[in-house]
């Protein structure tokens, strides 16, 4: 089992590997898998032996009692990560993933436990919002998306802001995160993949005569169906298709049925000073659809 956490003390440059011994818990000692640790260190930089990087952190040790209960025979390799979201970090993650996959293919049981340690200090409402955004990005397996989410959370004051020297540069505008498609009836649809692109969809792409979609009471994309100024001419089948796509790019994507908001574009507005991706919908109806992700 490989356990990862962010290294918040700022003294580590890379990935600190705890390479031997064991970690004490109230339910006994969880031993370190020194063979796997050596294999990870063999991947080279940025993986280095650094036990000191773990001593001021707690995001892994608070999880180990649970690990001890659900997997009492597990051995672990703790990793403290301060490699950021650069190409170096992405390359390191790729090498680690290939190593674990190869070992699993060889018959070893492998698990990767990820602790963001990013949302334990604010109030519950904010902590849940941070976790929802980060979890969605992690599940997507998109490093660029994860970096973008991190930047948005920092700008919104929901994550600590790194120094200007370490801040990742913004290289793309919000339109780069907009996905596009077409309904069976030939109507154009567009939807966002993060807060900034959702904001672009709702504020720049949605006209008063268009239809706007969002999963009801669930985090998800903002989706617009373009009507060329004729909203009443759009068949219900095309509206349901667009609603299904909105459900497919929401937290409910794995559910059998999701309730989705359908609102006229003129009923969607952004409050003054609101963060990216936050809108108010003044009038809408809902439909229940099966989530869909177009090929």
C-alpha atoms as a PDB file:
ATOM      1  CA  UNK A   1       0.000   0.000   0.000  1.00  0.00           C
ATOM      2  CA  UNK A   2       1.333   3.416  -1.006  1.00  0.00           C
ATOM      3  CA  UNK A   3       0.014   6.343   1.032  1.00  0.00           C
ATOM      4  CA  UNK A   4       0.491   9.892  -0.210  1.00  0.00           C
ATOM      5  CA  UNK A   5      -0.034  13.307   1.337  1.00  0.00           C
ATOM      6  CA  UNK A   6       0.926  16.896   0.703  1.00  0.00           C
ATOM      7  CA  UNK A   7       4.030  18.134   2.499  1.00  0.00           C
ATOM      8  CA  UNK A   8       2.884  21.399   4.008  1.00  0.00           C
ATOM      9  CA  UNK A   9       5.973  22.375   5.977  1.00  0.00           C
ATOM     10  CA  UNK A  10       7.700  23.776   2.893  1.00  0.00           C
ATOM     11  CA  UNK A  11      11.105  22.187   3.572  1.00  0.00           C
ATOM     12  CA  UNK A  12      10.749  19.358   1.056  1.00  0.00           C
ATOM     13  CA  UNK A  13      11.498  19.691  -2.654  1.00  0.00           C
ATOM     14  CA  UNK A  14      10.150  16.553  -4.320  1.00  0.00           C
ATOM     15  CA  UNK A  15       8.694  13.339  -2.876  1.00  0.00           C
ATOM     16  CA  UNK A  16       9.944  12.178   0.515  1.00  0.00           C
ATOM     17  CA  UNK A  17       9.914   8.390   0.947  1.00  0.00           C
ATOM     18  CA  UNK A  18       9.815   6.759   4.405  1.00  0.00           C
ATOM     19  CA  UNK A  19      11.828   3.695   3.501  1.00  0.00           C
ATOM     20  CA  UNK A  20      11.891   1.305   6.498  1.00  0.00           C
ATOM     21  CA  UNK A  21      10.562   0.504   9.962  1.00  0.00           C
ATOM     22  CA  UNK A  22       6.916   1.020  10.878  1.00  0.00           C
ATOM     23  CA  UNK A  23       4.307   3.540  12.021  1.00  0.00           C
ATOM     24  CA  UNK A  24       2.655   3.161  15.430  1.00  0.00           C
ATOM     25  CA  UNK A  25      -1.136   3.355  15.752  1.00  0.00           C
ATOM     26  CA  UNK A  26      -3.536   2.645  18.656  1.00  0.00           C
ATOM     27  CA  UNK A  27      -4.196  -0.688  16.957  1.00  0.00           C
ATOM     28  CA  UNK A  28      -0.580  -1.717  16.584  1.00  0.00           C
ATOM     29  CA  UNK A  29       2.300  -1.030  14.212  1.00  0.00           C
ATOM     30  CA  UNK A  30       1.785  -0.733  10.466  1.00  0.00           C
ATOM     31  CA  UNK A  31       5.038  -1.995   8.929  1.00  0.00           C
ATOM     32  CA  UNK A  32       6.753  -0.261   6.028  1.00  0.00           C
ATOM     33  CA  UNK A  33       7.153  -2.286   2.827  1.00  0.00           C
ATOM     34  CA  UNK A  34      10.877  -1.695   2.486  1.00  0.00           C
ATOM     35  CA  UNK A  35      11.144  -3.686  -0.757  1.00  0.00           C
ATOM     36  CA  UNK A  36       8.538  -1.535  -2.476  1.00  0.00           C
ATOM     37  CA  UNK A  37      10.097   1.585  -0.944  1.00  0.00           C
ATOM     38  CA  UNK A  38      13.449   0.700  -2.502  1.00  0.00           C
ATOM     39  CA  UNK A  39      11.755   0.130  -5.850  1.00  0.00           C
ATOM     40  CA  UNK A  40      10.130   3.575  -5.648  1.00  0.00           C
ATOM     41  CA  UNK A  41      13.435   5.185  -4.734  1.00  0.00           C
ATOM     42  CA  UNK A  42      14.907   3.404  -7.743  1.00  0.00           C
ATOM     43  CA  UNK A  43      12.665   5.538  -9.956  1.00  0.00           C
ATOM     44  CA  UNK A  44      15.051   8.439  -9.295  1.00  0.00           C
ATOM     45  CA  UNK A  45      14.289  12.106  -8.775  1.00  0.00           C
ATOM     46  CA  UNK A  46      12.087  13.555  -7.388  1.00  0.00           C
ATOM     47  CA  UNK A  47      11.754  10.446  -5.140  1.00  0.00           C
ATOM     48  CA  UNK A  48      14.227  10.673  -2.247  1.00  0.00           C
ATOM     49  CA  UNK A  49      14.621   9.133   1.203  1.00  0.00           C
ATOM     50  CA  UNK A  50      13.346  11.775   3.612  1.00  0.00           C
ATOM     51  CA  UNK A  51      11.793  10.697   6.917  1.00  0.00           C
ATOM     52  CA  UNK A  52      12.100  14.205   8.336  1.00  0.00           C
ATOM     53  CA  UNK A  53       9.550  15.445   5.789  1.00  0.00           C
ATOM     54  CA  UNK A  54       6.913  13.317   7.541  1.00  0.00           C
ATOM     55  CA  UNK A  55       7.637  14.301  11.132  1.00  0.00           C
ATOM     56  CA  UNK A  56       5.750  17.582  11.052  1.00  0.00           C
ATOM     57  CA  UNK A  57       2.769  16.202   9.131  1.00  0.00           C
ATOM     58  CA  UNK A  58      -0.300  14.303  10.313  1.00  0.00           C
ATOM     59  CA  UNK A  59      -2.471  13.690   7.232  1.00  0.00           C
ATOM     60  CA  UNK A  60      -1.269  10.101   6.858  1.00  0.00           C
ATOM     61  CA  UNK A  61      -0.974   9.030  10.457  1.00  0.00           C
ATOM     62  CA  UNK A  62      -4.623   9.870  11.194  1.00  0.00           C
ATOM     63  CA  UNK A  63      -5.663   7.416   8.465  1.00  0.00           C
ATOM     64  CA  UNK A  64      -3.488   4.533   9.573  1.00  0.00           C
ATOM     65  CA  UNK A  65      -5.792   3.292  12.368  1.00  0.00           C
ATOM     66  CA  UNK A  66      -8.473   2.826   9.708  1.00  0.00           C
ATOM     67  CA  UNK A  67      -5.985   1.023   7.466  1.00  0.00           C
ATOM     68  CA  UNK A  68      -5.047  -1.215  10.379  1.00  0.00           C
ATOM     69  CA  UNK A  69      -8.700  -2.166  10.917  1.00  0.00           C
ATOM     70  CA  UNK A  70      -9.769  -2.785   7.295  1.00  0.00           C
ATOM     71  CA  UNK A  71      -6.447  -4.263   6.090  1.00  0.00           C
ATOM     72  CA  UNK A  72      -4.603  -5.599   9.157  1.00  0.00           C
ATOM     73  CA  UNK A  73      -1.888  -7.305   7.077  1.00  0.00           C
ATOM     74  CA  UNK A  74      -1.129  -4.272   4.920  1.00  0.00           C
ATOM     75  CA  UNK A  75       2.370  -2.872   4.624  1.00  0.00           C
ATOM     76  CA  UNK A  76       2.831   0.681   3.526  1.00  0.00           C
ATOM     77  CA  UNK A  77       5.188   3.122   1.852  1.00  0.00           C
ATOM     78  CA  UNK A  78       4.467   6.674   3.052  1.00  0.00           C
ATOM     79  CA  UNK A  79       5.146   9.438   0.521  1.00  0.00           C
ATOM     80  CA  UNK A  80       5.205  13.137   1.422  1.00  0.00           C
ATOM     81  CA  UNK A  81       4.698  15.104  -1.775  1.00  0.00           C
ATOM     82  CA  UNK A  82       5.796  18.652  -2.474  1.00  0.00           C
ATOM     83  CA  UNK A  83       6.396  18.314  -6.214  1.00  0.00           C
ATOM     84  CA  UNK A  84       3.416  20.453  -7.186  1.00  0.00           C
ATOM     85  CA  UNK A  85       1.577  20.113 -10.499  1.00  0.00           C
ATOM     86  CA  UNK A  86       4.445  20.719 -12.919  1.00  0.00           C
ATOM     87  CA  UNK A  87       5.521  18.370 -15.679  1.00  0.00           C
ATOM     88  CA  UNK A  88       8.125  16.960 -13.255  1.00  0.00           C
ATOM     89  CA  UNK A  89       5.382  15.968 -10.822  1.00  0.00           C
ATOM     90  CA  UNK A  90       3.273  14.507 -13.623  1.00  0.00           C
ATOM     91  CA  UNK A  91       6.212  12.470 -14.934  1.00  0.00           C
ATOM     92  CA  UNK A  92       6.938  11.198 -11.414  1.00  0.00           C
ATOM     93  CA  UNK A  93       3.303  10.192 -10.980  1.00  0.00           C
ATOM     94  CA  UNK A  94       3.384   8.365 -14.288  1.00  0.00           C
ATOM     95  CA  UNK A  95       6.508   6.403 -13.299  1.00  0.00           C
ATOM     96  CA  UNK A  96       5.000   5.507  -9.917  1.00  0.00           C
ATOM     97  CA  UNK A  97       1.748   4.398 -11.558  1.00  0.00           C
ATOM     98  CA  UNK A  98       3.604   2.167 -13.992  1.00  0.00           C
ATOM     99  CA  UNK A  99       5.596   0.581 -11.162  1.00  0.00           C
ATOM    100  CA  UNK A 100       2.495  -0.183  -9.108  1.00  0.00           C
ATOM    101  CA  UNK A 101       0.654  -1.498 -12.173  1.00  0.00           C
ATOM    102  CA  UNK A 102       3.539  -3.815 -13.031  1.00  0.00           C
ATOM    103  CA  UNK A 103       3.636  -5.187  -9.484  1.00  0.00           C
ATOM    104  CA  UNK A 104      -0.092  -5.700  -9.475  1.00  0.00           C
ATOM    105  CA  UNK A 105       0.112  -7.514 -12.808  1.00  0.00           C
ATOM    106  CA  UNK A 106       2.742  -9.745 -11.206  1.00  0.00           C
ATOM    107  CA  UNK A 107       0.282 -10.894  -8.544  1.00  0.00           C
ATOM    108  CA  UNK A 108       0.953  -8.423  -5.718  1.00  0.00           C
ATOM    109  CA  UNK A 109      -1.972  -6.701  -4.041  1.00  0.00           C
ATOM    110  CA  UNK A 110      -1.591  -2.946  -4.426  1.00  0.00           C
ATOM    111  CA  UNK A 111      -3.531   0.044  -3.120  1.00  0.00           C
ATOM    112  CA  UNK A 112      -2.918   3.769  -3.453  1.00  0.00           C
ATOM    113  CA  UNK A 113      -4.318   5.980  -0.673  1.00  0.00           C
ATOM    114  CA  UNK A 114      -4.416   9.696  -1.445  1.00  0.00           C
ATOM    115  CA  UNK A 115      -4.717  12.333   1.263  1.00  0.00           C
ATOM    116  CA  UNK A 116      -4.998  15.919   0.025  1.00  0.00           C
ATOM    117  CA  UNK A 117      -4.813  17.311   3.604  1.00  0.00           C
ATOM    118  CA  UNK A 118      -6.275  20.448   2.046  1.00  0.00           C
ATOM    119  CA  UNK A 119      -9.591  21.054   3.740  1.00  0.00           C
ATOM    120  CA  UNK A 120      -9.364  20.212   7.424  1.00  0.00           C
ATOM    121  CA  UNK A 121      -9.020  23.758   8.736  1.00  0.00           C
ATOM    122  CA  UNK A 122     -12.009  25.774   7.357  1.00  0.00           C
ATOM    123  CA  UNK A 123     -15.664  25.414   8.349  1.00  0.00           C
ATOM    124  CA  UNK A 124     -17.479  22.250   7.272  1.00  0.00           C
ATOM    125  CA  UNK A 125     -19.319  23.857   4.338  1.00  0.00           C
ATOM    126  CA  UNK A 126     -16.109  25.118   2.762  1.00  0.00           C
ATOM    127  CA  UNK A 127     -14.209  21.915   3.501  1.00  0.00           C
ATOM    128  CA  UNK A 128     -16.872  19.889   1.705  1.00  0.00           C
ATOM    129  CA  UNK A 129     -16.763  22.224  -1.303  1.00  0.00           C
ATOM    130  CA  UNK A 130     -12.969  21.876  -1.543  1.00  0.00           C
ATOM    131  CA  UNK A 131     -13.136  18.096  -1.269  1.00  0.00           C
ATOM    132  CA  UNK A 132     -15.831  17.862  -3.951  1.00  0.00           C
ATOM    133  CA  UNK A 133     -13.770  19.885  -6.427  1.00  0.00           C
ATOM    134  CA  UNK A 134     -10.527  18.025  -5.748  1.00  0.00           C
ATOM    135  CA  UNK A 135     -12.179  14.594  -5.775  1.00  0.00           C
ATOM    136  CA  UNK A 136     -13.805  15.247  -9.136  1.00  0.00           C
ATOM    137  CA  UNK A 137     -10.472  16.320 -10.631  1.00  0.00           C
ATOM    138  CA  UNK A 138      -8.688  13.287  -9.184  1.00  0.00           C
ATOM    139  CA  UNK A 139     -11.355  10.917 -10.484  1.00  0.00           C
ATOM    140  CA  UNK A 140     -11.026  12.473 -13.938  1.00  0.00           C
ATOM    141  CA  UNK A 141      -7.304  11.608 -13.971  1.00  0.00           C
ATOM    142  CA  UNK A 142      -6.573  14.920 -15.684  1.00  0.00           C
ATOM    143  CA  UNK A 143      -3.438  16.612 -14.335  1.00  0.00           C
ATOM    144  CA  UNK A 144      -4.138  19.892 -16.143  1.00  0.00           C
ATOM    145  CA  UNK A 145      -7.644  19.948 -14.712  1.00  0.00           C
ATOM    146  CA  UNK A 146      -6.308  19.259 -11.197  1.00  0.00           C
ATOM    147  CA  UNK A 147      -3.857  22.147 -11.545  1.00  0.00           C
ATOM    148  CA  UNK A 148      -6.655  24.417 -12.736  1.00  0.00           C
ATOM    149  CA  UNK A 149      -8.920  23.433  -9.837  1.00  0.00           C
ATOM    150  CA  UNK A 150      -6.099  24.069  -7.392  1.00  0.00           C
ATOM    151  CA  UNK A 151      -5.533  27.533  -8.858  1.00  0.00           C
ATOM    152  CA  UNK A 152      -9.247  28.367  -8.667  1.00  0.00           C
ATOM    153  CA  UNK A 153      -9.438  27.250  -5.040  1.00  0.00           C
ATOM    154  CA  UNK A 154      -6.393  29.375  -4.187  1.00  0.00           C
ATOM    155  CA  UNK A 155      -7.880  32.408  -5.924  1.00  0.00           C
ATOM    156  CA  UNK A 156     -11.139  31.865  -4.050  1.00  0.00           C
ATOM    157  CA  UNK A 157      -9.317  31.734  -0.718  1.00  0.00           C
ATOM    158  CA  UNK A 158     -10.227  28.075  -0.130  1.00  0.00           C
ATOM    159  CA  UNK A 159      -6.637  26.801  -0.295  1.00  0.00           C
ATOM    160  CA  UNK A 160      -3.420  28.388   0.980  1.00  0.00           C
ATOM    161  CA  UNK A 161      -1.763  30.452  -1.744  1.00  0.00           C
ATOM    162  CA  UNK A 162       1.836  29.522  -2.604  1.00  0.00           C
ATOM    163  CA  UNK A 163       4.504  32.168  -3.048  1.00  0.00           C
ATOM    164  CA  UNK A 164       4.633  33.965  -6.370  1.00  0.00           C
ATOM    165  CA  UNK A 165       7.743  31.965  -7.228  1.00  0.00           C
ATOM    166  CA  UNK A 166       5.895  28.664  -6.966  1.00  0.00           C
ATOM    167  CA  UNK A 167       2.496  29.734  -8.332  1.00  0.00           C
ATOM    168  CA  UNK A 168       1.643  27.773 -11.507  1.00  0.00           C
ATOM    169  CA  UNK A 169       1.276  29.988 -14.545  1.00  0.00           C
ATOM    170  CA  UNK A 170      -2.111  30.227 -16.223  1.00  0.00           C
ATOM    171  CA  UNK A 171      -1.518  29.247 -19.825  1.00  0.00           C
ATOM    172  CA  UNK A 172      -5.061  28.910 -21.200  1.00  0.00           C
ATOM    173  CA  UNK A 173      -8.204  30.992 -21.110  1.00  0.00           C
ATOM    174  CA  UNK A 174     -11.537  29.694 -19.780  1.00  0.00           C
ATOM    175  CA  UNK A 175     -12.745  28.813 -23.281  1.00  0.00           C
ATOM    176  CA  UNK A 176     -10.082  26.094 -23.450  1.00  0.00           C
ATOM    177  CA  UNK A 177     -12.043  24.120 -20.856  1.00  0.00           C
ATOM    178  CA  UNK A 178     -15.311  24.193 -22.812  1.00  0.00           C
ATOM    179  CA  UNK A 179     -16.494  20.922 -24.348  1.00  0.00           C
ATOM    180  CA  UNK A 180     -18.818  20.973 -27.345  1.00  0.00           C
ATOM    181  CA  UNK A 181     -21.260  18.606 -28.980  1.00  0.00           C
ATOM    182  CA  UNK A 182     -24.547  18.309 -30.818  1.00  0.00           C
ATOM    183  CA  UNK A 183     -27.978  16.940 -29.954  1.00  0.00           C
ATOM    184  CA  UNK A 184     -29.686  14.318 -32.151  1.00  0.00           C
ATOM    185  CA  UNK A 185     -31.702  17.148 -33.709  1.00  0.00           C
ATOM    186  CA  UNK A 186     -28.581  19.118 -34.640  1.00  0.00           C
ATOM    187  CA  UNK A 187     -28.597  21.759 -31.891  1.00  0.00           C
ATOM    188  CA  UNK A 188     -25.182  22.853 -30.621  1.00  0.00           C
ATOM    189  CA  UNK A 189     -24.396  22.298 -26.947  1.00  0.00           C
ATOM    190  CA  UNK A 190     -21.420  23.433 -24.874  1.00  0.00           C
ATOM    191  CA  UNK A 191     -20.454  22.698 -21.286  1.00  0.00           C
ATOM    192  CA  UNK A 192     -17.621  23.512 -18.885  1.00  0.00           C
ATOM    193  CA  UNK A 193     -15.109  21.264 -17.150  1.00  0.00           C
ATOM    194  CA  UNK A 194     -14.177  23.571 -14.247  1.00  0.00           C
ATOM    195  CA  UNK A 195     -15.392  26.734 -12.524  1.00  0.00           C
ATOM    196  CA  UNK A 196     -13.778  29.129 -14.983  1.00  0.00           C
ATOM    197  CA  UNK A 197     -15.082  27.369 -18.086  1.00  0.00           C
ATOM    198  CA  UNK A 198     -18.524  26.961 -16.471  1.00  0.00           C
ATOM    199  CA  UNK A 199     -18.467  30.698 -15.852  1.00  0.00           C
ATOM    200  CA  UNK A 200     -17.612  31.241 -19.524  1.00  0.00           C
ATOM    201  CA  UNK A 201     -20.490  29.006 -20.625  1.00  0.00           C
ATOM    202  CA  UNK A 202     -23.043  30.796 -18.430  1.00  0.00           C
ATOM    203  CA  UNK A 203     -21.855  34.373 -18.941  1.00  0.00           C
ATOM    204  CA  UNK A 204     -20.442  34.426 -22.485  1.00  0.00           C
ATOM    205  CA  UNK A 205     -22.083  31.575 -24.388  1.00  0.00           C
ATOM    206  CA  UNK A 206     -25.619  31.570 -22.979  1.00  0.00           C
ATOM    207  CA  UNK A 207     -27.975  34.037 -24.665  1.00  0.00           C
ATOM    208  CA  UNK A 208     -31.409  34.984 -23.335  1.00  0.00           C
ATOM    209  CA  UNK A 209     -33.120  32.696 -25.840  1.00  0.00           C
ATOM    210  CA  UNK A 210     -30.950  29.631 -25.147  1.00  0.00           C
ATOM    211  CA  UNK A 211     -31.599  26.766 -22.731  1.00  0.00           C
ATOM    212  CA  UNK A 212     -29.314  26.279 -19.697  1.00  0.00           C
ATOM    213  CA  UNK A 213     -28.803  22.983 -17.814  1.00  0.00           C
ATOM    214  CA  UNK A 214     -27.290  21.878 -14.502  1.00  0.00           C
ATOM    215  CA  UNK A 215     -27.668  18.826 -12.254  1.00  0.00           C
ATOM    216  CA  UNK A 216     -30.106  19.701  -9.465  1.00  0.00           C
ATOM    217  CA  UNK A 217     -28.435  20.025  -6.045  1.00  0.00           C
ATOM    218  CA  UNK A 218     -25.255  18.344  -7.302  1.00  0.00           C
ATOM    219  CA  UNK A 219     -21.851  19.726  -8.334  1.00  0.00           C
ATOM    220  CA  UNK A 220     -21.526  19.578 -12.099  1.00  0.00           C
ATOM    221  CA  UNK A 221     -21.062  21.355 -15.382  1.00  0.00           C
ATOM    222  CA  UNK A 222     -22.981  24.329 -16.729  1.00  0.00           C
ATOM    223  CA  UNK A 223     -24.395  23.365 -20.140  1.00  0.00           C
ATOM    224  CA  UNK A 224     -26.027  25.549 -22.785  1.00  0.00           C
ATOM    225  CA  UNK A 225     -28.135  24.462 -25.762  1.00  0.00           C
ATOM    226  CA  UNK A 226     -28.027  27.116 -28.504  1.00  0.00           C
ATOM    227  CA  UNK A 227     -31.427  27.813 -30.071  1.00  0.00           C
ATOM    228  CA  UNK A 228     -30.715  30.625 -32.582  1.00  0.00           C
ATOM    229  CA  UNK A 229     -33.313  32.640 -30.710  1.00  0.00           C
ATOM    230  CA  UNK A 230     -36.088  30.034 -31.069  1.00  0.00           C
ATOM    231  CA  UNK A 231     -36.261  28.210 -27.708  1.00  0.00           C
ATOM    232  CA  UNK A 232     -39.841  27.019 -28.192  1.00  0.00           C
ATOM    233  CA  UNK A 233     -38.850  25.220 -31.398  1.00  0.00           C
ATOM    234  CA  UNK A 234     -36.447  22.827 -29.649  1.00  0.00           C
ATOM    235  CA  UNK A 235     -37.990  19.323 -29.408  1.00  0.00           C
ATOM    236  CA  UNK A 236     -38.270  17.752 -25.969  1.00  0.00           C
ATOM    237  CA  UNK A 237     -36.013  14.885 -27.109  1.00  0.00           C
ATOM    238  CA  UNK A 238     -33.164  17.346 -27.688  1.00  0.00           C
ATOM    239  CA  UNK A 239     -33.744  18.991 -24.306  1.00  0.00           C
ATOM    240  CA  UNK A 240     -33.650  15.587 -22.617  1.00  0.00           C
ATOM    241  CA  UNK A 241     -30.445  14.696 -24.477  1.00  0.00           C
ATOM    242  CA  UNK A 242     -28.766  17.907 -23.280  1.00  0.00           C
ATOM    243  CA  UNK A 243     -30.014  17.243 -19.758  1.00  0.00           C
ATOM    244  CA  UNK A 244     -28.506  13.751 -19.875  1.00  0.00           C
ATOM    245  CA  UNK A 245     -25.119  15.183 -20.893  1.00  0.00           C
ATOM    246  CA  UNK A 246     -25.308  17.687 -18.015  1.00  0.00           C
ATOM    247  CA  UNK A 247     -26.022  14.760 -15.684  1.00  0.00           C
ATOM    248  CA  UNK A 248     -23.109  12.814 -17.183  1.00  0.00           C
ATOM    249  CA  UNK A 249     -20.702  15.596 -16.274  1.00  0.00           C
ATOM    250  CA  UNK A 250     -21.930  15.966 -12.706  1.00  0.00           C
ATOM    251  CA  UNK A 251     -21.270  14.250  -9.386  1.00  0.00           C
ATOM    252  CA  UNK A 252     -24.247  12.007 -10.226  1.00  0.00           C
ATOM    253  CA  UNK A 253     -22.592  10.546 -13.320  1.00  0.00           C
ATOM    254  CA  UNK A 254     -22.523   7.048 -11.808  1.00  0.00           C
ATOM    255  CA  UNK A 255     -26.199   7.046 -10.838  1.00  0.00           C
ATOM    256  CA  UNK A 256     -29.050   5.461 -12.775  1.00  0.00           C
ATOM    257  CA  UNK A 257     -31.121   8.648 -12.653  1.00  0.00           C
ATOM    258  CA  UNK A 258     -30.279  12.303 -12.033  1.00  0.00           C
ATOM    259  CA  UNK A 259     -32.599  15.291 -11.690  1.00  0.00           C
ATOM    260  CA  UNK A 260     -31.487  18.136 -13.963  1.00  0.00           C
ATOM    261  CA  UNK A 261     -32.483  21.805 -14.100  1.00  0.00           C
ATOM    262  CA  UNK A 262     -33.624  23.246 -17.440  1.00  0.00           C
ATOM    263  CA  UNK A 263     -33.791  27.042 -17.403  1.00  0.00           C
ATOM    264  CA  UNK A 264     -34.200  29.751 -20.041  1.00  0.00           C
ATOM    265  CA  UNK A 265     -30.969  31.652 -20.539  1.00  0.00           C
ATOM    266  CA  UNK A 266     -32.529  34.907 -19.412  1.00  0.00           C
ATOM    267  CA  UNK A 267     -33.292  33.350 -16.002  1.00  0.00           C
ATOM    268  CA  UNK A 268     -29.602  32.653 -15.273  1.00  0.00           C
ATOM    269  CA  UNK A 269     -27.496  35.444 -13.791  1.00  0.00           C
ATOM    270  CA  UNK A 270     -24.238  35.825 -11.915  1.00  0.00           C
ATOM    271  CA  UNK A 271     -24.398  37.827  -8.652  1.00  0.00           C
ATOM    272  CA  UNK A 272     -22.033  40.772  -8.458  1.00  0.00           C
ATOM    273  CA  UNK A 273     -18.713  39.736  -6.919  1.00  0.00           C
ATOM    274  CA  UNK A 274     -19.550  36.016  -6.937  1.00  0.00           C
ATOM    275  CA  UNK A 275     -16.768  33.523  -7.492  1.00  0.00           C
ATOM    276  CA  UNK A 276     -16.368  31.880 -10.931  1.00  0.00           C
ATOM    277  CA  UNK A 277     -19.014  29.270 -11.650  1.00  0.00           C
ATOM    278  CA  UNK A 278     -21.596  30.589  -9.169  1.00  0.00           C
ATOM    279  CA  UNK A 279     -24.929  31.663 -10.690  1.00  0.00           C
ATOM    280  CA  UNK A 280     -28.476  32.260  -9.564  1.00  0.00           C
ATOM    281  CA  UNK A 281     -31.314  30.585 -11.492  1.00  0.00           C
ATOM    282  CA  UNK A 282     -34.547  32.509 -11.082  1.00  0.00           C
ATOM    283  CA  UNK A 283     -36.903  30.209 -12.996  1.00  0.00           C
ATOM    284  CA  UNK A 284     -36.563  26.589 -14.086  1.00  0.00           C
ATOM    285  CA  UNK A 285     -38.133  23.163 -14.405  1.00  0.00           C
ATOM    286  CA  UNK A 286     -36.514  19.800 -13.765  1.00  0.00           C
ATOM    287  CA  UNK A 287     -36.386  16.491 -15.590  1.00  0.00           C
ATOM    288  CA  UNK A 288     -35.064  13.113 -14.504  1.00  0.00           C
ATOM    289  CA  UNK A 289     -32.632  11.488 -16.955  1.00  0.00           C
ATOM    290  CA  UNK A 290     -30.003   8.784 -17.198  1.00  0.00           C
ATOM    291  CA  UNK A 291     -26.483  10.336 -17.251  1.00  0.00           C
ATOM    292  CA  UNK A 292     -24.766  10.335 -20.638  1.00  0.00           C
ATOM    293  CA  UNK A 293     -21.219  11.082 -21.752  1.00  0.00           C
ATOM    294  CA  UNK A 294     -21.053  11.442 -25.555  1.00  0.00           C
ATOM    295  CA  UNK A 295     -18.291   9.535 -27.296  1.00  0.00           C
END
